[in-house]
Amino acid sequence: MAFGRSSRKKRPVEPVTLKILVAGGFGVGKTTLVGAVSEIRPLRTEERLSEAGRPVDDLAGVEAKTTTTVAMDFGRITLREDLVLYLFGTPGQDRFWFLWDELAQGALGAVVLADTRRLEDCFAAVDYFERRDIPFTVAVNCFEGADKFPTETVQAALDLDPDVRVLMCDARDRGSVRDVLVAVVEDAVTREDRVREPAAT
């Protein structure tokens, strides 16, 4: 009997799609992060900062910022042939928080982007995900000129649970952002597996 290569075509893999939120304070780099890693042209809902917004938009530390996200950023990255992430960047200002609940529906996990010059700006995002039991990873965006701190120091300053991972990243760099997203998926899946484990008898 002769054996040869099968002429059957390999069936295309139907990828698993996961939703990841990218959150953090105003001007921390969420739009940059989504744009750096997205394999499609990212959807952005940016508007120019106006005089009317000056009383409510705190520009301390990000004085050069001229635009802001008013709804969301959206991008997509294929991590593997069978795994695709949809990224939803949340708006950073308090007045757009009503959008967060809508964006958070069905999310596997989140990235909380932090800036050590304005670390208090990510407290609200950390609190949001903790209250809703959505797993998250903190990514410190390493801005030029910003003080560098060990991840343990950042974890303590944010009063994070021990299982919340803190990573250093450059929101402009595709490889750096990809590493953060892989960590988010790994941590969320590990946590889900722990929840599903039957209780010891």
N, C-alpha and C. Protein backbone atom coordinates (compact mmCIF):
# COMPACT_ATOMS: atom_id res chain seq x y z
N MET A 1 0.85 -1.17 0.00
CA MET A 1 0.00 0.00 0.00
C MET A 1 0.89 1.23 0.00
N ALA A 2 0.59 2.18 -0.86
CA ALA A 2 1.41 3.39 -0.97
C ALA A 2 0.81 4.49 -0.09
N PHE A 3 1.71 5.14 0.60
CA PHE A 3 1.27 6.27 1.42
C PHE A 3 1.84 7.55 0.84
N GLY A 4 1.04 8.53 0.75
CA GLY A 4 1.51 9.83 0.27
C GLY A 4 0.92 10.94 1.10
N ARG A 5 1.26 12.15 0.76
CA ARG A 5 0.72 13.29 1.47
C ARG A 5 -0.77 13.41 1.23
N SER A 6 -1.48 13.73 2.23
CA SER A 6 -2.92 13.91 2.07
C SER A 6 -3.17 15.16 1.25
N SER A 7 -4.12 15.05 0.35
CA SER A 7 -4.45 16.20 -0.48
C SER A 7 -5.47 17.11 0.20
N ARG A 8 -5.93 16.66 1.38
CA ARG A 8 -6.91 17.49 2.08
C ARG A 8 -6.27 18.77 2.58
N LYS A 9 -6.98 19.85 2.43
CA LYS A 9 -6.48 21.12 2.93
C LYS A 9 -6.74 21.21 4.42
N LYS A 10 -5.78 21.82 5.10
CA LYS A 10 -5.93 22.01 6.53
C LYS A 10 -7.07 22.99 6.78
N ARG A 11 -7.94 22.60 7.70
CA ARG A 11 -9.04 23.51 8.02
C ARG A 11 -8.50 24.75 8.72
N PRO A 12 -9.04 25.92 8.35
CA PRO A 12 -8.58 27.12 9.05
C PRO A 12 -8.98 27.07 10.53
N VAL A 13 -8.08 27.54 11.37
CA VAL A 13 -8.34 27.54 12.80
C VAL A 13 -9.29 28.69 13.13
N GLU A 14 -10.32 28.38 13.88
CA GLU A 14 -11.24 29.42 14.34
C GLU A 14 -10.67 29.98 15.63
N PRO A 15 -10.15 31.22 15.60
CA PRO A 15 -9.48 31.73 16.80
C PRO A 15 -10.44 32.05 17.93
N VAL A 16 -9.93 31.91 19.14
CA VAL A 16 -10.65 32.39 20.33
C VAL A 16 -10.41 33.89 20.40
N THR A 17 -11.46 34.66 20.61
CA THR A 17 -11.31 36.11 20.72
C THR A 17 -11.57 36.53 22.16
N LEU A 18 -10.69 37.36 22.69
CA LEU A 18 -10.79 37.82 24.07
C LEU A 18 -10.78 39.34 24.11
N LYS A 19 -11.53 39.88 25.04
CA LYS A 19 -11.64 41.34 25.20
C LYS A 19 -10.78 41.79 26.37
N ILE A 20 -9.90 42.76 26.11
CA ILE A 20 -9.02 43.30 27.13
C ILE A 20 -9.22 44.82 27.20
N LEU A 21 -9.37 45.34 28.40
CA LEU A 21 -9.47 46.79 28.58
C LEU A 21 -8.10 47.38 28.86
N VAL A 22 -7.90 48.61 28.39
CA VAL A 22 -6.69 49.37 28.69
C VAL A 22 -7.15 50.63 29.41
N ALA A 23 -6.80 50.72 30.68
CA ALA A 23 -7.32 51.82 31.51
C ALA A 23 -6.17 52.54 32.20
N GLY A 24 -6.52 53.63 32.86
CA GLY A 24 -5.52 54.41 33.58
C GLY A 24 -5.91 55.87 33.58
N GLY A 25 -5.06 56.69 34.16
CA GLY A 25 -5.35 58.11 34.29
C GLY A 25 -5.23 58.87 32.97
N PHE A 26 -5.60 60.12 33.04
CA PHE A 26 -5.56 61.04 31.91
C PHE A 26 -4.11 61.24 31.45
N GLY A 27 -3.85 61.02 30.16
CA GLY A 27 -2.53 61.28 29.60
C GLY A 27 -1.47 60.26 29.92
N VAL A 28 -1.88 59.04 30.34
CA VAL A 28 -0.89 58.04 30.77
C VAL A 28 -0.33 57.23 29.59
N GLY A 29 -1.00 57.28 28.43
CA GLY A 29 -0.47 56.57 27.25
C GLY A 29 -1.35 55.46 26.73
N LYS A 30 -2.63 55.46 27.07
CA LYS A 30 -3.53 54.37 26.65
C LYS A 30 -3.70 54.33 25.13
N THR A 31 -3.92 55.49 24.52
CA THR A 31 -4.08 55.55 23.06
C THR A 31 -2.80 55.12 22.37
N THR A 32 -1.66 55.53 22.91
CA THR A 32 -0.35 55.15 22.35
C THR A 32 -0.17 53.64 22.42
N LEU A 33 -0.51 53.04 23.56
CA LEU A 33 -0.35 51.60 23.76
C LEU A 33 -1.18 50.82 22.74
N VAL A 34 -2.45 51.18 22.59
CA VAL A 34 -3.31 50.46 21.64
C VAL A 34 -2.77 50.62 20.22
N GLY A 35 -2.36 51.82 19.87
CA GLY A 35 -1.83 52.07 18.52
C GLY A 35 -0.53 51.35 18.24
N ALA A 36 0.31 51.19 19.27
CA ALA A 36 1.62 50.55 19.08
C ALA A 36 1.50 49.09 18.71
N VAL A 37 0.46 48.42 19.22
CA VAL A 37 0.39 46.97 19.08
C VAL A 37 -0.68 46.51 18.08
N SER A 38 -1.62 47.37 17.72
CA SER A 38 -2.74 46.94 16.89
C SER A 38 -2.29 46.61 15.48
N GLU A 39 -2.77 45.46 14.97
CA GLU A 39 -2.44 45.04 13.60
C GLU A 39 -3.41 45.63 12.58
N ILE A 40 -4.45 46.31 13.06
CA ILE A 40 -5.35 47.05 12.19
C ILE A 40 -5.20 48.52 12.53
N ARG A 41 -5.67 49.36 11.65
CA ARG A 41 -5.62 50.79 11.97
C ARG A 41 -6.55 51.02 13.17
N PRO A 42 -6.00 51.49 14.29
CA PRO A 42 -6.84 51.60 15.49
C PRO A 42 -7.93 52.66 15.33
N LEU A 43 -9.08 52.35 15.93
CA LEU A 43 -10.15 53.32 15.99
C LEU A 43 -9.85 54.25 17.16
N ARG A 44 -9.88 55.54 16.90
CA ARG A 44 -9.62 56.52 17.96
C ARG A 44 -10.75 57.52 18.00
N THR A 45 -11.13 57.93 19.20
CA THR A 45 -12.17 58.94 19.34
C THR A 45 -11.56 60.12 20.10
N GLU A 46 -10.53 60.68 19.51
CA GLU A 46 -9.83 61.79 20.15
C GLU A 46 -10.38 63.13 19.69
N GLU A 47 -10.43 64.06 20.62
CA GLU A 47 -10.81 65.44 20.33
C GLU A 47 -9.76 66.36 20.92
N ARG A 48 -9.65 67.54 20.33
CA ARG A 48 -8.70 68.52 20.84
C ARG A 48 -9.16 69.04 22.20
N LEU A 49 -8.21 69.21 23.10
CA LEU A 49 -8.53 69.81 24.40
C LEU A 49 -8.96 71.25 24.17
N SER A 50 -9.99 71.66 24.88
CA SER A 50 -10.53 73.01 24.68
C SER A 50 -10.41 73.84 25.94
N GLU A 51 -10.63 75.14 25.79
CA GLU A 51 -10.62 76.04 26.94
C GLU A 51 -11.71 75.65 27.94
N ALA A 52 -12.85 75.15 27.40
CA ALA A 52 -13.96 74.77 28.27
C ALA A 52 -13.59 73.63 29.20
N GLY A 53 -12.66 72.77 28.76
CA GLY A 53 -12.27 71.62 29.57
C GLY A 53 -11.17 71.91 30.58
N ARG A 54 -10.55 73.08 30.51
CA ARG A 54 -9.42 73.39 31.39
C ARG A 54 -9.75 73.26 32.88
N PRO A 55 -10.91 73.71 33.33
CA PRO A 55 -11.20 73.60 34.76
C PRO A 55 -11.34 72.16 35.25
N VAL A 56 -11.63 71.19 34.35
CA VAL A 56 -11.86 69.81 34.79
C VAL A 56 -10.75 68.85 34.36
N ASP A 57 -9.94 69.22 33.39
CA ASP A 57 -8.85 68.35 32.93
C ASP A 57 -7.54 68.78 33.58
N ASP A 58 -7.01 67.93 34.44
CA ASP A 58 -5.76 68.23 35.14
C ASP A 58 -4.58 67.90 34.23
N LEU A 59 -3.89 68.94 33.77
CA LEU A 59 -2.78 68.74 32.83
C LEU A 59 -1.42 68.74 33.54
N ALA A 60 -1.41 68.75 34.86
CA ALA A 60 -0.15 68.73 35.59
C ALA A 60 0.64 67.48 35.22
N GLY A 61 1.85 67.69 34.71
CA GLY A 61 2.70 66.57 34.31
C GLY A 61 2.54 66.16 32.86
N VAL A 62 1.45 66.60 32.21
CA VAL A 62 1.23 66.29 30.78
C VAL A 62 0.83 67.56 30.05
N GLU A 63 1.55 68.65 30.32
CA GLU A 63 1.21 69.96 29.78
C GLU A 63 1.23 70.00 28.26
N ALA A 64 2.01 69.11 27.62
CA ALA A 64 2.11 69.12 26.16
C ALA A 64 0.94 68.39 25.48
N LYS A 65 0.08 67.76 26.26
CA LYS A 65 -1.04 66.99 25.69
C LYS A 65 -2.05 67.94 25.05
N THR A 66 -2.45 67.64 23.81
CA THR A 66 -3.37 68.52 23.08
C THR A 66 -4.69 67.85 22.72
N THR A 67 -4.74 66.50 22.85
CA THR A 67 -5.97 65.78 22.51
C THR A 67 -6.33 64.83 23.65
N THR A 68 -7.57 64.37 23.64
CA THR A 68 -8.02 63.42 24.66
C THR A 68 -9.05 62.47 24.07
N THR A 69 -9.06 61.24 24.59
CA THR A 69 -10.05 60.24 24.16
C THR A 69 -11.38 60.54 24.83
N VAL A 70 -12.44 60.61 24.03
CA VAL A 70 -13.76 60.96 24.59
C VAL A 70 -14.72 59.77 24.61
N ALA A 71 -14.37 58.67 23.99
CA ALA A 71 -15.23 57.49 24.05
C ALA A 71 -14.38 56.25 24.30
N MET A 72 -13.56 55.87 23.31
CA MET A 72 -12.70 54.70 23.49
C MET A 72 -11.68 54.64 22.36
N ASP A 73 -10.66 53.83 22.57
CA ASP A 73 -9.75 53.42 21.50
C ASP A 73 -10.04 51.94 21.26
N PHE A 74 -9.83 51.52 20.02
CA PHE A 74 -10.06 50.10 19.72
C PHE A 74 -8.96 49.60 18.80
N GLY A 75 -8.42 48.42 19.13
CA GLY A 75 -7.41 47.79 18.29
C GLY A 75 -7.51 46.29 18.39
N ARG A 76 -6.71 45.60 17.58
CA ARG A 76 -6.73 44.13 17.58
C ARG A 76 -5.31 43.61 17.40
N ILE A 77 -5.00 42.53 18.13
CA ILE A 77 -3.70 41.87 17.95
C ILE A 77 -3.90 40.36 17.99
N THR A 78 -3.26 39.66 17.07
CA THR A 78 -3.27 38.21 17.05
C THR A 78 -2.03 37.72 17.80
N LEU A 79 -2.25 37.10 18.97
CA LEU A 79 -1.13 36.59 19.76
C LEU A 79 -0.63 35.27 19.21
N ARG A 80 -1.60 34.43 18.78
CA ARG A 80 -1.29 33.14 18.14
C ARG A 80 -2.33 32.94 17.06
N GLU A 81 -2.13 31.92 16.24
CA GLU A 81 -3.09 31.62 15.18
C GLU A 81 -4.49 31.41 15.74
N ASP A 82 -4.55 30.90 16.97
CA ASP A 82 -5.84 30.57 17.56
C ASP A 82 -6.27 31.52 18.68
N LEU A 83 -5.59 32.68 18.80
CA LEU A 83 -5.91 33.61 19.89
C LEU A 83 -5.78 35.06 19.44
N VAL A 84 -6.91 35.75 19.48
CA VAL A 84 -6.96 37.16 19.06
C VAL A 84 -7.47 38.00 20.23
N LEU A 85 -6.79 39.13 20.46
CA LEU A 85 -7.24 40.05 21.51
C LEU A 85 -7.86 41.28 20.88
N TYR A 86 -9.00 41.68 21.40
CA TYR A 86 -9.61 42.96 21.05
C TYR A 86 -9.33 43.91 22.21
N LEU A 87 -8.72 45.03 21.89
CA LEU A 87 -8.31 45.99 22.91
C LEU A 87 -9.24 47.19 22.93
N PHE A 88 -9.72 47.53 24.11
CA PHE A 88 -10.61 48.67 24.28
C PHE A 88 -9.95 49.64 25.26
N GLY A 89 -9.51 50.78 24.77
CA GLY A 89 -8.92 51.80 25.63
C GLY A 89 -10.00 52.69 26.20
N THR A 90 -10.00 52.86 27.51
CA THR A 90 -11.04 53.65 28.17
C THR A 90 -10.64 55.13 28.21
N PRO A 91 -11.62 56.03 28.25
CA PRO A 91 -11.29 57.45 28.43
C PRO A 91 -10.76 57.69 29.85
N GLY A 92 -9.86 58.65 29.99
CA GLY A 92 -9.21 58.85 31.29
C GLY A 92 -9.87 59.84 32.22
N GLN A 93 -10.67 60.77 31.70
CA GLN A 93 -11.24 61.80 32.57
C GLN A 93 -12.47 61.30 33.31
N ASP A 94 -12.67 61.84 34.50
CA ASP A 94 -13.78 61.43 35.35
C ASP A 94 -15.13 61.60 34.66
N ARG A 95 -15.27 62.63 33.85
CA ARG A 95 -16.59 62.91 33.27
C ARG A 95 -17.02 61.88 32.23
N PHE A 96 -16.11 61.00 31.82
CA PHE A 96 -16.46 59.96 30.85
C PHE A 96 -16.57 58.57 31.50
N TRP A 97 -16.59 58.53 32.84
CA TRP A 97 -16.63 57.24 33.53
C TRP A 97 -17.89 56.45 33.27
N PHE A 98 -18.96 57.12 32.85
CA PHE A 98 -20.20 56.39 32.58
C PHE A 98 -20.02 55.38 31.45
N LEU A 99 -18.99 55.55 30.62
CA LEU A 99 -18.73 54.62 29.51
C LEU A 99 -18.05 53.34 29.97
N TRP A 100 -17.42 53.37 31.14
CA TRP A 100 -16.62 52.23 31.58
C TRP A 100 -17.44 50.96 31.75
N ASP A 101 -18.61 51.07 32.36
CA ASP A 101 -19.42 49.88 32.59
C ASP A 101 -19.77 49.18 31.29
N GLU A 102 -20.06 49.98 30.27
CA GLU A 102 -20.38 49.41 28.96
C GLU A 102 -19.17 48.71 28.36
N LEU A 103 -18.01 49.37 28.44
CA LEU A 103 -16.79 48.80 27.86
C LEU A 103 -16.34 47.54 28.62
N ALA A 104 -16.62 47.48 29.92
CA ALA A 104 -16.13 46.37 30.74
C ALA A 104 -16.92 45.08 30.55
N GLN A 105 -18.10 45.16 29.95
CA GLN A 105 -18.91 43.96 29.78
C GLN A 105 -18.19 42.93 28.92
N GLY A 106 -18.04 41.71 29.45
CA GLY A 106 -17.42 40.62 28.71
C GLY A 106 -15.90 40.65 28.66
N ALA A 107 -15.27 41.55 29.42
CA ALA A 107 -13.80 41.64 29.39
C ALA A 107 -13.17 40.50 30.19
N LEU A 108 -12.15 39.87 29.62
CA LEU A 108 -11.41 38.83 30.34
C LEU A 108 -10.54 39.45 31.42
N GLY A 109 -9.95 40.59 31.11
CA GLY A 109 -9.03 41.24 32.04
C GLY A 109 -8.71 42.64 31.56
N ALA A 110 -7.77 43.27 32.26
CA ALA A 110 -7.45 44.67 31.95
C ALA A 110 -5.98 44.97 32.21
N VAL A 111 -5.50 46.00 31.51
CA VAL A 111 -4.21 46.61 31.80
C VAL A 111 -4.51 47.94 32.47
N VAL A 112 -3.93 48.18 33.64
CA VAL A 112 -3.99 49.51 34.24
C VAL A 112 -2.63 50.15 34.00
N LEU A 113 -2.63 51.16 33.13
CA LEU A 113 -1.39 51.84 32.77
C LEU A 113 -1.12 52.92 33.82
N ALA A 114 0.12 52.98 34.30
CA ALA A 114 0.48 53.91 35.36
C ALA A 114 1.69 54.75 34.96
N ASP A 115 1.74 55.95 35.53
CA ASP A 115 2.86 56.88 35.34
C ASP A 115 3.36 57.22 36.74
N THR A 116 4.63 56.94 37.03
CA THR A 116 5.13 57.14 38.39
C THR A 116 5.12 58.62 38.80
N ARG A 117 5.04 59.54 37.82
CA ARG A 117 4.97 60.96 38.15
C ARG A 117 3.58 61.35 38.65
N ARG A 118 2.59 60.52 38.30
CA ARG A 118 1.20 60.81 38.70
C ARG A 118 0.53 59.49 39.10
N LEU A 119 1.15 58.78 40.00
CA LEU A 119 0.71 57.43 40.34
C LEU A 119 -0.72 57.42 40.89
N GLU A 120 -1.08 58.48 41.59
CA GLU A 120 -2.43 58.54 42.18
C GLU A 120 -3.53 58.54 41.12
N ASP A 121 -3.17 58.88 39.86
CA ASP A 121 -4.18 58.93 38.79
C ASP A 121 -4.71 57.55 38.41
N CYS A 122 -4.01 56.48 38.78
CA CYS A 122 -4.51 55.15 38.42
C CYS A 122 -5.24 54.47 39.58
N PHE A 123 -5.34 55.15 40.74
CA PHE A 123 -6.08 54.57 41.87
C PHE A 123 -7.51 54.24 41.49
N ALA A 124 -8.16 55.15 40.76
CA ALA A 124 -9.57 54.94 40.41
C ALA A 124 -9.76 53.70 39.54
N ALA A 125 -8.83 53.48 38.59
CA ALA A 125 -8.93 52.31 37.72
C ALA A 125 -8.70 51.03 38.51
N VAL A 126 -7.70 51.04 39.40
CA VAL A 126 -7.43 49.87 40.24
C VAL A 126 -8.67 49.55 41.07
N ASP A 127 -9.25 50.57 41.68
CA ASP A 127 -10.44 50.39 42.51
C ASP A 127 -11.61 49.85 41.69
N TYR A 128 -11.75 50.37 40.47
CA TYR A 128 -12.85 49.94 39.59
C TYR A 128 -12.78 48.44 39.33
N PHE A 129 -11.60 47.94 38.95
CA PHE A 129 -11.47 46.52 38.61
C PHE A 129 -11.52 45.63 39.84
N GLU A 130 -11.00 46.11 40.96
CA GLU A 130 -11.09 45.32 42.19
C GLU A 130 -12.55 45.16 42.60
N ARG A 131 -13.32 46.22 42.54
CA ARG A 131 -14.73 46.17 42.96
C ARG A 131 -15.56 45.26 42.07
N ARG A 132 -15.20 45.19 40.80
CA ARG A 132 -15.97 44.37 39.85
C ARG A 132 -15.35 42.99 39.64
N ASP A 133 -14.29 42.70 40.39
CA ASP A 133 -13.63 41.40 40.32
C ASP A 133 -13.14 41.06 38.91
N ILE A 134 -12.63 42.08 38.22
CA ILE A 134 -12.04 41.88 36.89
C ILE A 134 -10.53 41.82 37.07
N PRO A 135 -9.89 40.70 36.68
CA PRO A 135 -8.43 40.61 36.86
C PRO A 135 -7.69 41.67 36.04
N PHE A 136 -6.63 42.21 36.60
CA PHE A 136 -5.88 43.25 35.90
C PHE A 136 -4.39 43.14 36.22
N THR A 137 -3.60 43.69 35.31
CA THR A 137 -2.16 43.78 35.48
C THR A 137 -1.80 45.26 35.41
N VAL A 138 -0.92 45.72 36.28
CA VAL A 138 -0.47 47.11 36.25
C VAL A 138 0.79 47.19 35.39
N ALA A 139 0.77 48.09 34.41
CA ALA A 139 1.93 48.31 33.55
C ALA A 139 2.41 49.75 33.75
N VAL A 140 3.62 49.91 34.24
CA VAL A 140 4.18 51.24 34.46
C VAL A 140 4.80 51.71 33.16
N ASN A 141 4.23 52.78 32.59
CA ASN A 141 4.74 53.34 31.35
C ASN A 141 5.98 54.17 31.68
N CYS A 142 7.13 53.74 31.19
CA CYS A 142 8.40 54.36 31.56
C CYS A 142 8.67 55.60 30.71
N PHE A 143 8.12 56.72 31.12
CA PHE A 143 8.33 57.98 30.41
C PHE A 143 9.75 58.46 30.62
N GLU A 144 10.29 59.15 29.60
CA GLU A 144 11.64 59.71 29.72
C GLU A 144 11.63 60.77 30.81
N GLY A 145 12.62 60.71 31.67
CA GLY A 145 12.73 61.69 32.74
C GLY A 145 11.97 61.33 34.00
N ALA A 146 11.12 60.29 33.94
CA ALA A 146 10.37 59.88 35.12
C ALA A 146 11.26 59.02 36.02
N ASP A 147 11.08 59.15 37.33
CA ASP A 147 11.83 58.33 38.27
C ASP A 147 11.47 56.86 38.09
N LYS A 148 12.47 56.01 38.20
CA LYS A 148 12.25 54.56 38.09
C LYS A 148 12.21 53.96 39.49
N PHE A 149 11.22 53.12 39.74
CA PHE A 149 11.07 52.48 41.04
C PHE A 149 10.95 50.97 40.84
N PRO A 150 11.40 50.18 41.81
CA PRO A 150 11.21 48.72 41.72
C PRO A 150 9.72 48.40 41.68
N THR A 151 9.37 47.29 41.03
CA THR A 151 7.95 46.92 40.93
C THR A 151 7.33 46.71 42.31
N GLU A 152 8.14 46.23 43.28
CA GLU A 152 7.63 46.03 44.64
C GLU A 152 7.20 47.35 45.27
N THR A 153 7.93 48.42 44.96
CA THR A 153 7.60 49.74 45.50
C THR A 153 6.28 50.24 44.92
N VAL A 154 6.10 50.03 43.61
CA VAL A 154 4.86 50.44 42.96
C VAL A 154 3.69 49.63 43.51
N GLN A 155 3.91 48.34 43.69
CA GLN A 155 2.85 47.46 44.22
C GLN A 155 2.42 47.92 45.61
N ALA A 156 3.39 48.28 46.44
CA ALA A 156 3.08 48.74 47.79
C ALA A 156 2.38 50.10 47.76
N ALA A 157 2.84 51.00 46.89
CA ALA A 157 2.24 52.33 46.80
C ALA A 157 0.79 52.27 46.35
N LEU A 158 0.46 51.29 45.50
CA LEU A 158 -0.91 51.13 45.02
C LEU A 158 -1.74 50.21 45.90
N ASP A 159 -1.10 49.64 46.94
CA ASP A 159 -1.77 48.73 47.87
C ASP A 159 -2.44 47.57 47.12
N LEU A 160 -1.68 46.95 46.23
CA LEU A 160 -2.21 45.87 45.40
C LEU A 160 -2.14 44.54 46.13
N ASP A 161 -3.07 43.64 45.79
CA ASP A 161 -2.99 42.27 46.29
C ASP A 161 -1.72 41.62 45.75
N PRO A 162 -1.16 40.65 46.47
CA PRO A 162 0.10 40.02 46.05
C PRO A 162 0.04 39.37 44.66
N ASP A 163 -1.17 38.91 44.24
CA ASP A 163 -1.26 38.23 42.95
C ASP A 163 -1.44 39.18 41.77
N VAL A 164 -1.48 40.49 42.02
CA VAL A 164 -1.56 41.46 40.92
C VAL A 164 -0.16 41.78 40.44
N ARG A 165 0.10 41.46 39.19
CA ARG A 165 1.45 41.64 38.64
C ARG A 165 1.70 43.10 38.25
N VAL A 166 2.91 43.59 38.51
CA VAL A 166 3.34 44.93 38.08
C VAL A 166 4.49 44.75 37.11
N LEU A 167 4.38 45.35 35.92
CA LEU A 167 5.40 45.24 34.89
C LEU A 167 5.83 46.63 34.43
N MET A 168 7.08 46.75 34.02
CA MET A 168 7.55 47.98 33.39
C MET A 168 7.34 47.85 31.88
N CYS A 169 6.94 48.94 31.23
CA CYS A 169 6.74 48.84 29.79
C CYS A 169 6.99 50.19 29.11
N ASP A 170 7.11 50.14 27.81
CA ASP A 170 7.17 51.33 26.98
C ASP A 170 5.95 51.26 26.06
N ALA A 171 4.97 52.12 26.28
CA ALA A 171 3.71 52.05 25.54
C ALA A 171 3.89 52.32 24.05
N ARG A 172 5.07 52.77 23.64
CA ARG A 172 5.34 53.03 22.22
C ARG A 172 5.90 51.81 21.51
N ASP A 173 6.35 50.84 22.30
CA ASP A 173 7.07 49.70 21.75
C ASP A 173 6.18 48.47 21.64
N ARG A 174 6.02 47.95 20.41
CA ARG A 174 5.13 46.82 20.16
C ARG A 174 5.48 45.60 21.00
N GLY A 175 6.76 45.26 21.06
CA GLY A 175 7.19 44.09 21.81
C GLY A 175 6.91 44.22 23.30
N SER A 176 7.17 45.40 23.83
CA SER A 176 6.94 45.66 25.25
C SER A 176 5.45 45.55 25.58
N VAL A 177 4.60 46.13 24.73
CA VAL A 177 3.16 46.08 24.95
C VAL A 177 2.65 44.64 24.82
N ARG A 178 3.17 43.92 23.84
CA ARG A 178 2.76 42.53 23.64
C ARG A 178 3.05 41.70 24.89
N ASP A 179 4.21 41.91 25.50
CA ASP A 179 4.57 41.18 26.72
C ASP A 179 3.56 41.46 27.84
N VAL A 180 3.11 42.71 27.94
CA VAL A 180 2.12 43.07 28.96
C VAL A 180 0.80 42.35 28.68
N LEU A 181 0.37 42.33 27.43
CA LEU A 181 -0.90 41.69 27.08
C LEU A 181 -0.85 40.18 27.32
N VAL A 182 0.27 39.56 27.02
CA VAL A 182 0.44 38.13 27.31
C VAL A 182 0.29 37.89 28.81
N ALA A 183 0.89 38.76 29.62
CA ALA A 183 0.80 38.63 31.08
C ALA A 183 -0.65 38.76 31.55
N VAL A 184 -1.40 39.69 30.96
CA VAL A 184 -2.81 39.89 31.33
C VAL A 184 -3.59 38.61 31.07
N VAL A 185 -3.40 38.03 29.89
CA VAL A 185 -4.13 36.81 29.53
C VAL A 185 -3.73 35.66 30.45
N GLU A 186 -2.42 35.49 30.66
CA GLU A 186 -1.94 34.40 31.53
C GLU A 186 -2.53 34.52 32.94
N ASP A 187 -2.48 35.73 33.49
CA ASP A 187 -2.97 35.93 34.86
C ASP A 187 -4.47 35.71 34.96
N ALA A 188 -5.21 36.19 33.96
CA ALA A 188 -6.68 36.04 33.98
C ALA A 188 -7.07 34.57 33.85
N VAL A 189 -6.38 33.84 32.96
CA VAL A 189 -6.69 32.42 32.77
C VAL A 189 -6.33 31.61 34.02
N THR A 190 -5.16 31.91 34.62
CA THR A 190 -4.74 31.23 35.84
C THR A 190 -5.76 31.44 36.95
N ARG A 191 -6.22 32.68 37.06
CA ARG A 191 -7.21 32.98 38.10
C ARG A 191 -8.53 32.25 37.83
N GLU A 192 -8.93 32.20 36.57
CA GLU A 192 -10.18 31.50 36.21
C GLU A 192 -10.07 30.01 36.53
N ASP A 193 -8.89 29.44 36.25
CA ASP A 193 -8.67 28.01 36.55
C ASP A 193 -8.77 27.75 38.05
N ARG A 194 -8.21 28.68 38.86
CA ARG A 194 -8.27 28.52 40.32
C ARG A 194 -9.71 28.54 40.81
N VAL A 195 -10.51 29.44 40.21
CA VAL A 195 -11.92 29.56 40.61
C VAL A 195 -12.68 28.29 40.27
N ARG A 196 -12.32 27.66 39.15
CA ARG A 196 -13.03 26.45 38.70
C ARG A 196 -12.62 25.20 39.44
N GLU A 197 -11.46 25.23 40.11
CA GLU A 197 -10.98 24.05 40.82
C GLU A 197 -11.99 23.66 41.90
N PRO A 198 -12.32 22.35 41.99
CA PRO A 198 -13.25 21.92 43.04
C PRO A 198 -12.63 22.12 44.43
N ALA A 199 -13.45 22.50 45.35
CA ALA A 199 -12.97 22.72 46.72
C ALA A 199 -12.47 21.40 47.32
N ALA A 200 -11.41 21.50 48.10
CA ALA A 200 -10.84 20.29 48.72
C ALA A 200 -11.83 19.75 49.75
N THR A 201 -11.95 18.42 49.76
CA THR A 201 -12.89 17.78 50.70
C THR A 201 -12.14 17.20 51.87
